[in-house]
Amino acid sequence: MHPRGLIGSIATLAGGRYTGRQWLDFVEFGLAQGGIYALIALGYSMVYGVLNMINFAHGEVFMSGAYTAYFVAVPLGSSGFLTRHLLVGLLVILIVAMATSTGVAVLVERVAYRTPSAACTGAACIPIRTSRPSRASGPSAASTSCARRRSSSWERSR
């Protein structure tokens, strides 16, 4: 942290603009947001490490679960179920979000990555050239059909 940021934080806390509880909320929200960024970065790293291409589609998979959880939480909250049975309600919301994300991920896998004709549509599949030497003369076994098709066109364009 930059010294001016630390001094500004101390001055804001001492100035009474925010209470100690609000500062704890800021820290809690910051840790939650940082955790989300860490999960997204971990997902990108794992996909790139396995497939040697960047896949931008998994953000939509996570958001489908989050939106579904929201649309389940609103009726549960308005009916009073969340107030009466908080842990059960949160567990239901979490299971619905996980099931939705899993279902969308399986659907994307089956439609986008296993179908040769739809493997490279949109921006979901962007192969990356790396400086790593290849292990074989052709595409690696871990590459997808999208990377195989695009690699042949890249070889011609060099």
Protein backbone atom coordinates (compact mmCIF):
# COMPACT_ATOMS: atom_id res chain seq x y z
CA MET A 1 0.00 0.00 0.00
CA HIS A 2 1.23 3.45 -0.84
CA PRO A 3 2.00 5.63 2.23
CA ARG A 4 -0.50 8.28 1.12
CA GLY A 5 -3.21 5.61 0.99
CA LEU A 6 -2.44 4.53 4.53
CA ILE A 7 -2.37 8.13 5.76
CA GLY A 8 -5.65 8.83 3.97
CA SER A 9 -7.27 5.77 5.53
CA ILE A 10 -6.14 6.78 9.01
CA ALA A 11 -7.30 10.37 8.46
CA THR A 12 -10.70 9.20 7.23
CA LEU A 13 -11.12 6.89 10.21
CA ALA A 14 -10.01 9.60 12.65
CA GLY A 15 -12.24 12.20 10.97
CA GLY A 16 -15.34 10.27 11.92
CA ARG A 17 -16.68 10.11 8.39
CA TYR A 18 -17.06 6.32 8.66
CA THR A 19 -17.63 4.28 11.78
CA GLY A 20 -15.53 1.31 12.78
CA ARG A 21 -18.35 -1.01 11.74
CA GLN A 22 -18.40 0.55 8.26
CA TRP A 23 -14.65 0.00 7.97
CA LEU A 24 -15.12 -3.65 8.90
CA ASP A 25 -17.78 -3.85 6.20
CA PHE A 26 -15.32 -2.32 3.70
CA VAL A 27 -12.73 -4.95 4.60
CA GLU A 28 -15.31 -7.75 4.36
CA PHE A 29 -16.58 -6.55 0.96
CA GLY A 30 -13.00 -6.10 -0.28
CA LEU A 31 -12.06 -9.64 0.74
CA ALA A 32 -15.20 -11.01 -0.93
CA GLN A 33 -14.49 -9.10 -4.15
CA GLY A 34 -10.83 -10.16 -4.07
CA GLY A 35 -11.91 -13.77 -3.60
CA ILE A 36 -14.10 -13.54 -6.69
CA TYR A 37 -11.19 -12.11 -8.69
CA ALA A 38 -8.94 -14.90 -7.40
CA LEU A 39 -11.43 -17.58 -8.46
CA ILE A 40 -11.72 -16.06 -11.92
CA ALA A 41 -7.93 -15.87 -12.26
CA LEU A 42 -7.61 -19.46 -11.07
CA GLY A 43 -10.17 -20.55 -13.67
CA TYR A 44 -8.31 -18.76 -16.46
CA SER A 45 -5.00 -20.27 -15.31
CA MET A 46 -6.38 -23.79 -15.15
CA VAL A 47 -8.06 -23.60 -18.56
CA TYR A 48 -4.97 -22.09 -20.18
CA GLY A 49 -2.70 -24.64 -18.50
CA VAL A 50 -4.72 -27.58 -19.79
CA LEU A 51 -5.81 -26.40 -23.24
CA ASN A 52 -3.12 -23.82 -24.10
CA MET A 53 -5.86 -21.38 -25.08
CA ILE A 54 -7.77 -18.71 -23.23
CA ASN A 55 -11.45 -19.45 -22.73
CA PHE A 56 -13.52 -16.39 -21.87
CA ALA A 57 -16.79 -18.30 -21.63
CA HIS A 58 -16.57 -19.46 -18.02
CA GLY A 59 -17.57 -16.03 -16.68
CA GLU A 60 -20.98 -16.50 -18.21
CA VAL A 61 -21.22 -19.92 -16.60
CA PHE A 62 -20.62 -18.42 -13.15
CA MET A 63 -23.03 -15.56 -13.78
CA SER A 64 -25.81 -17.93 -14.85
CA GLY A 65 -25.61 -19.52 -11.42
CA ALA A 66 -25.54 -16.14 -9.69
CA TYR A 67 -28.57 -14.82 -11.57
CA THR A 68 -30.50 -18.01 -10.93
CA ALA A 69 -29.63 -17.79 -7.24
CA TYR A 70 -30.93 -14.22 -7.16
CA PHE A 71 -34.21 -15.20 -8.79
CA VAL A 72 -34.61 -18.00 -6.24
CA ALA A 73 -33.61 -15.79 -3.29
CA VAL A 74 -36.13 -13.03 -4.02
CA PRO A 75 -39.25 -15.22 -3.65
CA LEU A 76 -37.75 -16.99 -0.64
CA GLY A 77 -37.08 -13.63 0.98
CA SER A 78 -40.47 -12.12 0.18
CA SER A 79 -42.30 -15.18 1.51
CA GLY A 80 -40.42 -14.94 4.80
CA PHE A 81 -38.77 -18.34 4.40
CA LEU A 82 -35.25 -16.85 4.57
CA THR A 83 -36.11 -15.06 7.80
CA ARG A 84 -37.52 -18.17 9.46
CA HIS A 85 -35.04 -20.72 8.07
CA LEU A 86 -31.88 -18.84 7.16
CA LEU A 87 -29.45 -21.76 6.84
CA VAL A 88 -31.87 -23.96 4.92
CA GLY A 89 -32.72 -21.08 2.58
CA LEU A 90 -29.05 -20.28 1.94
CA LEU A 91 -28.36 -23.95 1.31
CA VAL A 92 -31.21 -24.12 -1.22
CA ILE A 93 -29.93 -20.99 -2.97
CA LEU A 94 -26.38 -22.37 -3.07
CA ILE A 95 -27.49 -25.74 -4.45
CA VAL A 96 -29.62 -24.08 -7.14
CA ALA A 97 -26.69 -21.83 -8.16
CA MET A 98 -24.27 -24.76 -8.31
CA ALA A 99 -26.70 -26.93 -10.26
CA THR A 100 -27.35 -24.15 -12.76
CA SER A 101 -23.65 -23.42 -13.26
CA THR A 102 -22.91 -27.12 -13.65
CA GLY A 103 -25.72 -27.58 -16.15
CA VAL A 104 -24.61 -24.60 -18.24
CA ALA A 105 -20.97 -25.76 -18.12
CA VAL A 106 -21.92 -29.25 -19.31
CA LEU A 107 -24.09 -27.77 -22.06
CA VAL A 108 -21.27 -25.47 -23.22
CA GLU A 109 -18.85 -28.40 -23.16
CA ARG A 110 -21.15 -30.62 -25.21
CA VAL A 111 -22.23 -27.99 -27.72
CA ALA A 112 -19.18 -25.76 -28.15
CA TYR A 113 -16.23 -28.06 -27.58
CA ARG A 114 -17.39 -31.48 -28.69
CA THR A 115 -19.14 -30.41 -31.90
CA PRO A 116 -16.50 -29.83 -34.61
CA SER A 117 -18.67 -27.42 -36.60
CA ALA A 118 -19.32 -25.14 -33.61
CA ALA A 119 -15.90 -25.36 -32.01
CA CYS A 120 -14.63 -21.94 -33.04
CA THR A 121 -17.70 -19.75 -33.19
CA GLY A 122 -17.62 -16.48 -31.31
CA ALA A 123 -14.90 -15.20 -29.01
CA ALA A 124 -15.08 -18.13 -26.61
CA CYS A 125 -12.09 -19.86 -28.20
CA ILE A 126 -8.92 -17.85 -28.72
CA PRO A 127 -5.78 -19.92 -29.22
CA ILE A 128 -2.56 -18.38 -28.02
CA ARG A 129 0.83 -18.73 -29.69
CA THR A 130 3.47 -19.51 -27.14
CA SER A 131 7.23 -19.67 -27.33
CA ARG A 132 7.25 -23.13 -25.78
CA PRO A 133 8.70 -25.80 -28.06
CA SER A 134 6.16 -28.34 -29.19
CA ARG A 135 6.51 -31.92 -28.00
CA ALA A 136 5.55 -33.35 -31.35
CA SER A 137 5.41 -32.23 -34.93
CA GLY A 138 1.61 -31.89 -34.91
CA PRO A 139 -0.88 -30.46 -32.46
CA SER A 140 -0.63 -31.76 -28.91
CA ALA A 141 -3.09 -34.34 -27.67
CA ALA A 142 -4.47 -31.88 -25.12
CA SER A 143 -5.48 -29.33 -27.75
CA THR A 144 -9.09 -29.11 -28.82
CA SER A 145 -10.49 -29.31 -32.32
CA CYS A 146 -10.62 -25.52 -32.32
CA ALA A 147 -6.90 -25.22 -31.63
CA ARG A 148 -6.16 -27.88 -34.26
CA ARG A 149 -8.15 -26.12 -36.97
CA ARG A 150 -6.73 -22.71 -36.18
CA SER A 151 -3.14 -23.96 -35.90
CA SER A 152 -3.18 -25.15 -39.49
CA SER A 153 -4.36 -21.74 -40.69
CA TRP A 154 -1.68 -20.05 -38.55
CA GLU A 155 1.01 -22.20 -40.11
CA ARG A 156 -0.08 -21.05 -43.56
CA SER A 157 -0.10 -17.39 -42.50
CA ARG A 158 3.49 -17.34 -41.23
